[in-house]
Amino acid sequence: MTPAWLAQLDGALDKRELIKVSILQNADETTSEVKEFIESQSTIQVVQTIGRVLVLFKVSDLPENRDLSTQVEKI
């Protein structure tokens, strides 16, 4: 868990808005530690945790990539 890794997540979310991240079984950090790090160091939201998989969401900074967030606003 580094600022560079967080920047990569942020970049991926700018393109897709919703991604899944798997935490390896042999990782030193727990899923809750990774969740806490992501949410405390960025504007990324962890919307669901399934075992060692985190589902992440962030409204894209690029208006042309805001497909999911636009659909959610309409609900």
C-alpha atoms as a PDB file:
ATOM      1  CA  MET A   1       0.000   0.000   0.000  1.00  0.00           C
ATOM      2  CA  THR A   2       1.770   3.045  -1.330  1.00  0.00           C
ATOM      3  CA  PRO A   3       0.757   6.422  -2.771  1.00  0.00           C
ATOM      4  CA  ALA A   4       1.741   5.113  -6.228  1.00  0.00           C
ATOM      5  CA  TRP A   5      -0.631   2.141  -5.860  1.00  0.00           C
ATOM      6  CA  LEU A   6      -3.398   4.485  -4.748  1.00  0.00           C
ATOM      7  CA  ALA A   7      -2.727   6.716  -7.772  1.00  0.00           C
ATOM      8  CA  GLN A   8      -3.099   3.683 -10.055  1.00  0.00           C
ATOM      9  CA  LEU A   9      -6.451   2.846  -8.455  1.00  0.00           C
ATOM     10  CA  ASP A  10      -7.555   6.441  -8.887  1.00  0.00           C
ATOM     11  CA  GLY A  11      -6.564   6.400 -12.567  1.00  0.00           C
ATOM     12  CA  ALA A  12      -8.415   3.147 -13.194  1.00  0.00           C
ATOM     13  CA  LEU A  13     -11.515   4.525 -11.485  1.00  0.00           C
ATOM     14  CA  ASP A  14     -11.396   7.664 -13.639  1.00  0.00           C
ATOM     15  CA  LYS A  15     -11.899   5.383 -16.642  1.00  0.00           C
ATOM     16  CA  ARG A  16     -14.434   2.928 -15.204  1.00  0.00           C
ATOM     17  CA  GLU A  17     -15.845   4.360 -11.919  1.00  0.00           C
ATOM     18  CA  LEU A  18     -16.334   0.851 -10.476  1.00  0.00           C
ATOM     19  CA  ILE A  19     -13.660  -1.840 -10.082  1.00  0.00           C
ATOM     20  CA  LYS A  20     -12.912  -4.937  -8.024  1.00  0.00           C
ATOM     21  CA  VAL A  21      -9.587  -5.401  -6.248  1.00  0.00           C
ATOM     22  CA  SER A  22      -8.510  -8.792  -4.928  1.00  0.00           C
ATOM     23  CA  ILE A  23      -6.248  -8.997  -1.885  1.00  0.00           C
ATOM     24  CA  LEU A  24      -3.882 -11.956  -2.219  1.00  0.00           C
ATOM     25  CA  GLN A  25      -4.007 -14.689   0.409  1.00  0.00           C
ATOM     26  CA  ASN A  26      -0.329 -14.156   1.261  1.00  0.00           C
ATOM     27  CA  ALA A  27      -0.636 -10.357   1.606  1.00  0.00           C
ATOM     28  CA  ASP A  28       0.714  -8.836   4.816  1.00  0.00           C
ATOM     29  CA  GLU A  29      -2.319  -6.549   5.169  1.00  0.00           C
ATOM     30  CA  THR A  30      -5.854  -7.615   6.013  1.00  0.00           C
ATOM     31  CA  THR A  31      -8.841  -6.631   3.929  1.00  0.00           C
ATOM     32  CA  SER A  32     -10.000  -4.186   6.598  1.00  0.00           C
ATOM     33  CA  GLU A  33      -6.551  -2.533   6.704  1.00  0.00           C
ATOM     34  CA  VAL A  34      -6.584  -2.072   2.927  1.00  0.00           C
ATOM     35  CA  LYS A  35     -10.132  -0.681   3.087  1.00  0.00           C
ATOM     36  CA  GLU A  36      -9.180   1.777   5.824  1.00  0.00           C
ATOM     37  CA  PHE A  37      -6.058   2.905   3.906  1.00  0.00           C
ATOM     38  CA  ILE A  38      -7.984   3.507   0.673  1.00  0.00           C
ATOM     39  CA  GLU A  39     -10.812   5.432   2.314  1.00  0.00           C
ATOM     40  CA  SER A  40      -8.576   7.531   4.568  1.00  0.00           C
ATOM     41  CA  GLN A  41      -6.052   8.492   1.877  1.00  0.00           C
ATOM     42  CA  SER A  42      -8.387   9.179  -1.085  1.00  0.00           C
ATOM     43  CA  THR A  43     -11.918   9.986  -2.221  1.00  0.00           C
ATOM     44  CA  ILE A  44     -12.435   6.364  -3.291  1.00  0.00           C
ATOM     45  CA  GLN A  45     -15.322   4.560  -1.592  1.00  0.00           C
ATOM     46  CA  VAL A  46     -15.277   0.870  -0.739  1.00  0.00           C
ATOM     47  CA  VAL A  47     -18.883  -0.039  -1.532  1.00  0.00           C
ATOM     48  CA  GLN A  48     -18.680  -3.766  -0.826  1.00  0.00           C
ATOM     49  CA  THR A  49     -16.339  -6.352   0.649  1.00  0.00           C
ATOM     50  CA  ILE A  50     -16.711  -9.982  -0.366  1.00  0.00           C
ATOM     51  CA  GLY A  51     -14.103 -12.147   1.346  1.00  0.00           C
ATOM     52  CA  ARG A  52     -10.771 -10.746   0.160  1.00  0.00           C
ATOM     53  CA  VAL A  53     -12.294  -8.734  -2.701  1.00  0.00           C
ATOM     54  CA  LEU A  54     -13.039  -5.011  -2.427  1.00  0.00           C
ATOM     55  CA  VAL A  55     -15.473  -3.293  -4.769  1.00  0.00           C
ATOM     56  CA  LEU A  56     -14.377   0.323  -5.252  1.00  0.00           C
ATOM     57  CA  PHE A  57     -16.307   3.317  -6.597  1.00  0.00           C
ATOM     58  CA  LYS A  58     -15.340   6.875  -7.423  1.00  0.00           C
ATOM     59  CA  VAL A  59     -17.089   9.436  -9.600  1.00  0.00           C
ATOM     60  CA  SER A  60     -14.852   9.995 -12.609  1.00  0.00           C
ATOM     61  CA  ASP A  61     -13.062  13.325 -12.918  1.00  0.00           C
ATOM     62  CA  LEU A  62     -13.673  13.076 -16.668  1.00  0.00           C
ATOM     63  CA  PRO A  63     -17.284  13.966 -17.635  1.00  0.00           C
ATOM     64  CA  GLU A  64     -17.261  11.615 -20.649  1.00  0.00           C
ATOM     65  CA  ASN A  65     -16.553   8.646 -18.335  1.00  0.00           C
ATOM     66  CA  ARG A  66     -19.363   9.314 -15.840  1.00  0.00           C
ATOM     67  CA  ASP A  67     -21.693   6.605 -17.093  1.00  0.00           C
ATOM     68  CA  LEU A  68     -22.374   4.761 -13.819  1.00  0.00           C
ATOM     69  CA  SER A  69     -22.582   7.844 -11.593  1.00  0.00           C
ATOM     70  CA  THR A  70     -25.030   9.476 -14.030  1.00  0.00           C
ATOM     71  CA  GLN A  71     -27.265   6.398 -13.945  1.00  0.00           C
ATOM     72  CA  VAL A  72     -27.153   6.248 -10.146  1.00  0.00           C
ATOM     73  CA  GLU A  73     -28.159   9.921  -9.859  1.00  0.00           C
ATOM     74  CA  LYS A  74     -31.326   9.178 -11.821  1.00  0.00           C
ATOM     75  CA  ILE A  75     -32.461   6.533  -9.332  1.00  0.00           C
END
